[in-house]
Amino acid sequence: MGYRILETDDIPGYLRERGHWDDVGDIRVREVSDGNMNRVFLASSADGTRSLAVKQALPWVRVAGPSWPMSPDRADAEARAYDQVAKVAPDKIPTVHGYDPENHALVMEDMSDLEVLRTRLNAGEPYGPHTSARIGEFVAQFSFATSDFGMPSAERKTLIAASVSPELCKITEDVVLSEPYIEHEHNHWHPRLDDLAAEFRADTRLRTEVADLRHTFMTSAQALLHGDLHTGRIMVGERAGTHVVRVFDPEFSFVGPVGYDLGLYWANALVSEERARALGTLSDHGEQLRLSWDAFEAEFRRLWPTRVDTFFDDAYLDRFLRRVWTESLGYAGTEIVRRIIGFAHLTDLTTLEDPVPASRRALLMGRELIVRRAELNDPNDARAVVRPT
């Protein structure tokens, strides 16, 4: 039949066609799309005992419409990422019931009983004792399994070839890793940040360090990444008395530097701390970098004895983890900067009554993480830089 854009009324028949639902007479469907890129529908039975989510990639950016075309092939990358994660960390992603490559649509577990982590944090609630640790474990499990340490070389080369995503990677290379440091129509910021935006554009040391991180992003094919791992891509909640963490929307997935995923999460954690500081609601915010790094390192070291290429010894592991740590700090800095003077801003800051003080602190923090990342040896050092006494 070829690709077709699904509408709410199409979902019952579509689920029946795909073998996910027999009695379509009792389906209730509503659209719950709230991201920039895709459409999402929730289908549930009349008695509420069964539900599924249907996510479709459109041939354009959803919030912009046909004026901003975008290949729906990004759904292929998302399905591929879910498939890989399901092999090593199925408890940290939604259950995927099927992927339809012709229509670029995923049928998945309904997670409406959970809450987006950013929404929870913006409401003044804490992360909870396990959230960041689970994210650290997720990055370790996913990256190890899809790296040359955890995957035979021939399989790795096939994965790299299949995971090339030039269109989406170009967005990151531009929007995150170059545009905020030059004059560009995408950039915007609060007028009271004019001075810092100008300083950053004129800061040759900063631009050189960002160029280094950009080149690493473009050339370092260490592992398959989520590619957009921030607090808006994590859902949390309780199920049967157990704390649940689910990572979703890996449509920017590509093979790149492991530190990029960690850095995105750290940036969002640090900005959420600035929001909490501005509102006087600080709780467990200051522990999240340490908790996620400690869990990542512990899990990566636990997996290390299973590596397929034993030429990489324990001494090399120490060197590799040091590189991941340093690059993660740098990418955290670039994510902070682009979220304040670049294209897409964070509601953590924009919904504050006066976002400028917290934004200024965050921008200066981001610069320090970028230019001083090689000096910082552990989370305590990092906090001394970003939270000077």
Protein backbone atom coordinates (compact mmCIF):
# COMPACT_ATOMS: atom_id res chain seq x y z
CA MET A 1 0.00 0.00 0.00
CA GLY A 2 2.88 2.38 0.64
CA TYR A 3 3.40 4.97 3.38
CA ARG A 4 0.30 6.66 4.76
CA ILE A 5 -0.08 9.21 7.52
CA LEU A 6 -2.21 7.71 10.27
CA GLU A 7 -5.10 9.63 11.80
CA THR A 8 -6.98 8.89 15.00
CA ASP A 9 -9.79 7.10 13.17
CA ASP A 10 -7.26 4.86 11.37
CA ILE A 11 -5.74 3.37 14.53
CA PRO A 12 -8.31 0.61 15.32
CA GLY A 13 -8.13 -0.78 11.80
CA TYR A 14 -4.36 -0.39 11.71
CA LEU A 15 -3.92 -2.37 14.93
CA ARG A 16 -6.15 -5.11 13.57
CA GLU A 17 -4.23 -5.21 10.27
CA ARG A 18 -0.95 -5.54 12.16
CA GLY A 19 -2.29 -8.35 14.36
CA HIS A 20 -2.22 -6.38 17.63
CA TRP A 21 -5.97 -6.20 18.31
CA ASP A 22 -8.85 -8.47 17.29
CA ASP A 23 -12.05 -6.82 18.51
CA VAL A 24 -11.66 -3.26 17.28
CA GLY A 25 -15.19 -2.38 18.30
CA ASP A 26 -14.09 -1.70 21.87
CA ILE A 27 -11.05 0.48 21.09
CA ARG A 28 -10.92 4.08 22.29
CA VAL A 29 -8.19 6.18 20.66
CA ARG A 30 -6.79 9.60 21.50
CA GLU A 31 -3.82 11.49 20.11
CA VAL A 32 -1.26 12.49 22.75
CA SER A 33 1.49 13.97 20.54
CA ASP A 34 3.52 16.51 22.51
CA GLY A 35 7.04 16.26 21.07
CA ASN A 36 8.46 18.20 18.16
CA MET A 37 8.82 15.38 15.66
CA ASN A 38 6.18 12.62 15.66
CA ARG A 39 2.58 11.67 16.22
CA VAL A 40 1.59 9.42 19.11
CA PHE A 41 -1.76 7.74 19.73
CA LEU A 42 -3.01 5.79 22.74
CA ALA A 43 -5.50 2.99 22.11
CA SER A 44 -7.34 1.41 25.03
CA SER A 45 -10.19 -1.00 25.55
CA ALA A 46 -13.50 0.32 26.80
CA ASP A 47 -13.02 -1.39 30.17
CA GLY A 48 -9.48 -0.02 30.52
CA THR A 49 -7.86 -3.43 30.90
CA ARG A 50 -5.74 -3.19 27.76
CA SER A 51 -3.86 -0.39 26.05
CA LEU A 52 -1.19 0.20 23.41
CA ALA A 53 0.71 3.20 22.06
CA VAL A 54 1.24 3.85 18.34
CA LYS A 55 4.01 6.23 17.32
CA GLN A 56 4.51 7.33 13.71
CA ALA A 57 7.34 9.36 12.20
CA LEU A 58 6.01 12.00 9.82
CA PRO A 59 7.84 13.14 6.67
CA TRP A 60 8.36 16.51 8.34
CA VAL A 61 8.86 18.01 11.79
CA ARG A 62 5.41 17.76 13.38
CA VAL A 63 5.38 21.20 15.01
CA ALA A 64 6.50 22.91 11.79
CA GLY A 65 4.56 20.94 9.19
CA PRO A 66 5.60 20.39 5.56
CA SER A 67 7.70 23.57 5.58
CA TRP A 68 10.38 21.61 7.52
CA PRO A 69 10.75 18.26 5.73
CA MET A 70 12.39 15.41 7.63
CA SER A 71 12.83 11.83 6.52
CA PRO A 72 10.59 9.41 8.43
CA ASP A 73 13.47 6.92 8.24
CA ARG A 74 14.38 8.17 11.71
CA ALA A 75 11.84 5.62 12.95
CA ASP A 76 14.13 2.90 11.57
CA ALA A 77 16.89 4.17 13.85
CA GLU A 78 14.54 4.17 16.81
CA ALA A 79 13.40 0.60 16.14
CA ARG A 80 17.01 -0.53 15.69
CA ALA A 81 18.01 1.07 19.00
CA TYR A 82 15.11 -0.53 20.86
CA ASP A 83 16.04 -3.88 19.36
CA GLN A 84 19.61 -3.59 20.59
CA VAL A 85 18.68 -2.35 24.07
CA ALA A 86 16.09 -5.09 24.48
CA LYS A 87 18.91 -7.64 24.33
CA VAL A 88 20.76 -6.19 27.33
CA ALA A 89 18.49 -3.81 29.27
CA PRO A 90 14.84 -4.67 28.52
CA ASP A 91 13.76 -3.31 31.91
CA LYS A 92 14.85 0.23 30.96
CA ILE A 93 12.83 0.77 27.76
CA PRO A 94 9.16 0.40 26.82
CA THR A 95 8.15 -2.98 25.46
CA VAL A 96 7.98 -2.82 21.65
CA HIS A 97 5.24 -5.04 20.19
CA GLY A 98 6.10 -4.43 16.56
CA TYR A 99 7.62 -2.11 13.98
CA ASP A 100 6.08 -1.32 10.61
CA PRO A 101 8.92 -0.05 8.37
CA GLU A 102 6.57 0.76 5.49
CA ASN A 103 4.61 3.27 7.58
CA HIS A 104 7.48 4.10 9.96
CA ALA A 105 5.27 3.23 12.93
CA LEU A 106 6.00 1.54 16.25
CA VAL A 107 3.43 -0.23 18.41
CA MET A 108 4.58 -0.10 22.00
CA GLU A 109 3.69 -0.40 25.64
CA ASP A 110 1.43 2.36 26.95
CA MET A 111 3.43 4.29 29.55
CA SER A 112 0.76 6.83 30.46
CA ASP A 113 0.83 5.57 34.05
CA LEU A 114 4.37 6.96 34.29
CA GLU A 115 5.52 10.58 34.31
CA VAL A 116 8.11 12.39 32.22
CA LEU A 117 11.09 13.08 34.47
CA ARG A 118 11.34 16.74 33.43
CA THR A 119 7.67 17.28 34.30
CA ARG A 120 8.24 15.80 37.73
CA LEU A 121 11.35 17.88 38.37
CA ASN A 122 9.73 21.10 37.16
CA ALA A 123 6.96 20.48 39.67
CA GLY A 124 9.54 20.50 42.46
CA GLU A 125 9.74 16.77 43.07
CA PRO A 126 13.03 14.89 43.63
CA TYR A 127 14.71 12.43 41.27
CA GLY A 128 14.34 9.62 43.74
CA PRO A 129 17.01 7.18 44.89
CA HIS A 130 17.35 5.08 41.72
CA THR A 131 16.66 7.25 38.68
CA SER A 132 20.16 8.47 37.83
CA ALA A 133 21.75 5.15 38.73
CA ARG A 134 19.42 3.40 36.30
CA ILE A 135 20.36 5.91 33.59
CA GLY A 136 24.05 5.28 34.22
CA GLU A 137 23.47 1.55 33.96
CA PHE A 138 21.43 2.02 30.78
CA VAL A 139 24.26 3.91 29.05
CA ALA A 140 26.82 1.33 30.17
CA GLN A 141 24.77 -1.69 29.10
CA PHE A 142 23.75 -0.21 25.74
CA SER A 143 27.17 1.19 24.85
CA PHE A 144 29.17 -1.84 25.96
CA ALA A 145 26.95 -4.26 24.02
CA THR A 146 27.25 -2.24 20.80
CA SER A 147 30.95 -1.41 21.09
CA ASP A 148 33.99 -3.35 19.90
CA PHE A 149 34.26 -4.63 23.47
CA GLY A 150 30.87 -6.32 23.49
CA MET A 151 30.19 -7.14 19.84
CA PRO A 152 32.23 -9.17 17.34
CA SER A 153 33.98 -7.00 14.77
CA ALA A 154 31.97 -8.16 11.75
CA GLU A 155 28.66 -7.54 13.52
CA ARG A 156 29.89 -4.12 14.62
CA LYS A 157 30.74 -3.11 11.07
CA THR A 158 27.27 -4.17 9.94
CA LEU A 159 25.69 -2.19 12.79
CA ILE A 160 27.72 0.91 11.93
CA ALA A 161 26.70 0.71 8.28
CA ALA A 162 23.04 0.30 9.16
CA SER A 163 23.09 3.08 11.74
CA VAL A 164 24.48 5.91 9.64
CA SER A 165 22.08 8.85 10.14
CA PRO A 166 23.53 11.84 8.28
CA GLU A 167 20.39 13.97 8.46
CA LEU A 168 19.87 13.69 12.21
CA CYS A 169 23.58 13.84 13.03
CA LYS A 170 23.86 17.04 10.97
CA ILE A 171 21.16 18.57 13.17
CA THR A 172 23.27 17.85 16.27
CA GLU A 173 26.49 19.00 14.63
CA ASP A 174 24.86 22.31 13.77
CA VAL A 175 22.28 23.05 16.49
CA VAL A 176 24.33 21.77 19.45
CA LEU A 177 27.95 21.92 18.35
CA SER A 178 28.37 25.05 16.24
CA GLU A 179 25.41 27.44 15.89
CA PRO A 180 25.36 28.78 19.49
CA TYR A 181 28.93 30.07 18.99
CA ILE A 182 28.26 31.96 15.76
CA GLU A 183 25.70 34.42 14.42
CA HIS A 184 22.80 32.24 13.26
CA GLU A 185 19.09 32.72 12.67
CA HIS A 186 18.24 29.71 14.85
CA ASN A 187 19.73 31.27 17.97
CA HIS A 188 17.64 33.25 20.44
CA TRP A 189 17.92 34.16 24.09
CA HIS A 190 16.60 36.45 26.79
CA PRO A 191 17.68 40.06 26.07
CA ARG A 192 19.43 40.28 29.44
CA LEU A 193 21.79 37.54 28.25
CA ASP A 194 23.05 39.60 25.30
CA ASP A 195 26.43 40.12 26.94
CA LEU A 196 27.13 36.42 27.55
CA ALA A 197 25.93 35.41 24.09
CA ALA A 198 28.33 37.93 22.56
CA GLU A 199 31.18 36.83 24.86
CA PHE A 200 30.70 33.19 23.90
CA ARG A 201 30.79 34.03 20.19
CA ALA A 202 34.01 35.98 20.69
CA ASP A 203 35.68 33.42 22.99
CA THR A 204 38.30 31.74 20.80
CA ARG A 205 39.33 29.22 23.47
CA LEU A 206 35.72 28.15 23.93
CA ARG A 207 35.13 27.84 20.19
CA THR A 208 38.28 25.74 19.78
CA GLU A 209 37.22 23.35 22.54
CA VAL A 210 33.74 23.05 21.06
CA ALA A 211 35.32 22.35 17.66
CA ASP A 212 37.27 19.52 19.28
CA LEU A 213 34.08 18.04 20.75
CA ARG A 214 32.29 18.48 17.43
CA HIS A 215 35.04 16.63 15.57
CA THR A 216 34.94 13.80 18.11
CA PHE A 217 31.17 13.60 17.66
CA MET A 218 31.64 13.37 13.89
CA THR A 219 34.41 10.76 13.89
CA SER A 220 34.29 8.62 17.06
CA ALA A 221 32.17 5.52 16.36
CA GLN A 222 32.47 3.96 19.81
CA ALA A 223 28.96 2.56 20.32
CA LEU A 224 25.32 2.87 19.37
CA LEU A 225 23.87 5.79 21.32
CA HIS A 226 20.42 7.00 22.26
CA GLY A 227 21.45 10.37 20.83
CA ASP A 228 18.87 12.53 22.68
CA LEU A 229 19.09 11.35 26.28
CA HIS A 230 17.61 14.14 28.38
CA THR A 231 15.05 14.40 31.17
CA GLY A 232 12.26 14.75 28.60
CA ARG A 233 13.13 11.30 27.23
CA ILE A 234 12.86 9.47 30.56
CA MET A 235 9.72 8.32 32.30
CA VAL A 236 9.54 7.39 35.95
CA GLY A 237 6.98 6.08 38.38
CA GLU A 238 5.92 3.20 40.57
CA ARG A 239 4.60 -0.17 39.45
CA ALA A 240 3.69 -2.83 42.00
CA GLY A 241 5.69 -0.96 44.62
CA THR A 242 8.85 -0.85 42.48
CA HIS A 243 10.52 2.31 41.15
CA VAL A 244 10.41 2.20 37.35
CA VAL A 245 12.66 4.09 34.91
CA ARG A 246 12.02 3.91 31.15
CA VAL A 247 14.11 5.57 28.44
CA PHE A 248 12.22 6.27 25.22
CA ASP A 249 12.41 8.06 21.83
CA PRO A 250 15.89 7.00 20.63
CA GLU A 251 15.15 8.29 17.11
CA PHE A 252 18.42 10.26 17.05
CA SER A 253 20.28 6.99 17.64
CA PHE A 254 23.61 6.70 15.84
CA VAL A 255 27.06 5.23 16.41
CA GLY A 256 29.16 7.82 18.20
CA PRO A 257 31.09 8.75 21.37
CA VAL A 258 29.73 7.20 24.57
CA GLY A 259 30.22 10.45 26.46
CA TYR A 260 27.59 12.19 24.37
CA ASP A 261 24.68 10.32 25.99
CA LEU A 262 26.02 10.83 29.50
CA GLY A 263 26.74 14.48 28.78
CA LEU A 264 23.20 15.19 27.65
CA TYR A 265 21.79 13.69 30.82
CA TRP A 266 24.26 15.57 33.02
CA ALA A 267 23.44 18.88 31.34
CA ASN A 268 19.77 18.46 32.03
CA ALA A 269 20.43 17.37 35.60
CA LEU A 270 22.61 20.43 36.23
CA VAL A 271 20.03 22.79 34.75
CA SER A 272 17.27 21.20 36.81
CA GLU A 273 19.41 21.92 39.85
CA GLU A 274 19.58 25.58 38.86
CA ARG A 275 15.80 25.67 38.61
CA ALA A 276 15.43 24.11 42.05
CA ARG A 277 17.96 26.57 43.47
CA ALA A 278 16.02 29.50 42.01
CA LEU A 279 12.76 28.21 43.51
CA GLY A 280 14.25 27.16 46.84
CA THR A 281 13.24 23.53 46.27
CA LEU A 282 16.67 21.83 46.26
CA SER A 283 16.51 18.22 47.39
CA ASP A 284 18.58 15.45 45.81
CA HIS A 285 19.57 17.42 42.69
CA GLY A 286 23.25 17.78 43.59
CA GLU A 287 23.87 14.02 43.66
CA GLN A 288 22.75 13.10 40.17
CA LEU A 289 26.04 13.47 38.27
CA ARG A 290 27.85 11.30 40.82
CA LEU A 291 25.09 8.70 40.99
CA SER A 292 24.88 8.28 37.23
CA TRP A 293 28.66 8.20 36.72
CA ASP A 294 29.24 5.75 39.56
CA ALA A 295 26.57 3.41 38.18
CA PHE A 296 27.90 3.74 34.63
CA GLU A 297 31.49 3.00 35.68
CA ALA A 298 30.53 0.11 37.95
CA GLU A 299 28.38 -1.53 35.27
CA PHE A 300 30.97 -1.04 32.53
CA ARG A 301 33.65 -2.60 34.76
CA ARG A 302 31.29 -5.47 35.62
CA LEU A 303 30.82 -6.19 31.92
CA TRP A 304 34.50 -5.82 31.04
CA PRO A 305 35.51 -9.47 31.64
CA THR A 306 32.99 -10.52 28.96
CA ARG A 307 34.67 -8.47 26.20
CA VAL A 308 35.08 -10.30 22.91
CA ASP A 309 38.52 -8.85 22.14
CA THR A 310 40.80 -9.59 25.09
CA PHE A 311 43.65 -7.53 23.65
CA PHE A 312 42.09 -4.59 25.48
CA ASP A 313 43.41 -5.07 29.01
CA ASP A 314 42.42 -3.57 32.36
CA ALA A 315 44.88 -0.72 31.98
CA TYR A 316 43.20 0.25 28.73
CA LEU A 317 39.81 0.17 30.45
CA ASP A 318 41.02 2.82 32.88
CA ARG A 319 42.16 4.98 29.99
CA PHE A 320 38.91 4.47 28.08
CA LEU A 321 36.75 5.39 31.07
CA ARG A 322 38.85 8.49 31.70
CA ARG A 323 38.19 9.58 28.10
CA VAL A 324 34.46 8.94 28.45
CA TRP A 325 34.38 10.98 31.68
CA THR A 326 36.20 13.92 30.10
CA GLU A 327 34.11 13.94 26.94
CA SER A 328 30.89 13.61 28.95
CA LEU A 329 31.72 16.81 30.83
CA GLY A 330 32.40 18.63 27.58
CA TYR A 331 29.18 17.49 25.94
CA ALA A 332 27.27 18.44 29.09
CA GLY A 333 28.64 21.94 28.68
CA THR A 334 27.64 22.20 25.03
CA GLU A 335 24.13 20.97 25.78
CA ILE A 336 23.70 23.57 28.53
CA VAL A 337 24.88 26.38 26.26
CA ARG A 338 22.68 25.45 23.31
CA ARG A 339 19.62 25.13 25.56
CA ILE A 340 19.96 28.78 26.64
CA ILE A 341 21.36 30.75 23.67
CA GLY A 342 20.71 28.25 20.87
CA PHE A 343 17.62 26.95 19.11
CA ALA A 344 15.62 24.81 21.56
CA HIS A 345 15.33 26.00 25.15
CA LEU A 346 14.44 24.17 28.37
CA THR A 347 11.20 24.67 30.26
CA ASP A 348 13.25 24.19 33.43
CA LEU A 349 14.42 27.77 32.90
CA THR A 350 11.84 29.37 30.61
CA THR A 351 8.98 28.77 33.06
CA LEU A 352 10.76 30.58 35.90
CA GLU A 353 9.31 33.98 36.78
CA ASP A 354 12.74 35.46 36.15
CA PRO A 355 14.86 32.96 34.18
CA VAL A 356 17.92 35.19 33.84
CA PRO A 357 19.87 34.57 37.09
CA ALA A 358 19.61 30.79 36.76
CA SER A 359 20.36 31.00 33.03
CA ARG A 360 23.48 33.08 33.63
CA ARG A 361 24.76 30.63 36.23
CA ALA A 362 24.06 27.72 33.89
CA LEU A 363 25.79 29.36 30.92
CA LEU A 364 28.93 30.08 32.91
CA MET A 365 28.84 26.53 34.25
CA GLY A 366 28.56 25.18 30.72
CA ARG A 367 31.61 27.15 29.59
CA GLU A 368 33.68 25.84 32.51
CA LEU A 369 32.73 22.24 31.75
CA ILE A 370 33.80 22.67 28.14
CA VAL A 371 37.12 24.45 28.60
CA ARG A 372 38.25 22.79 31.84
CA ARG A 373 37.00 19.24 31.25
CA ALA A 374 40.52 17.76 31.06
CA GLU A 375 41.37 19.12 34.54
CA LEU A 376 38.47 17.47 36.34
CA ASN A 377 39.12 14.02 37.69
CA ASP A 378 35.88 13.00 39.40
CA PRO A 379 32.41 14.26 40.35
CA ASN A 380 33.78 16.16 43.35
CA ASP A 381 36.16 18.10 41.09
CA ALA A 382 33.33 18.81 38.67
CA ARG A 383 31.10 20.15 41.42
CA ALA A 384 33.90 22.39 42.65
CA VAL A 385 33.96 23.99 39.19
CA VAL A 386 30.24 24.28 38.60
CA ARG A 387 29.33 25.10 42.19
CA PRO A 388 32.21 27.27 43.51
CA THR A 389 31.93 28.13 47.18
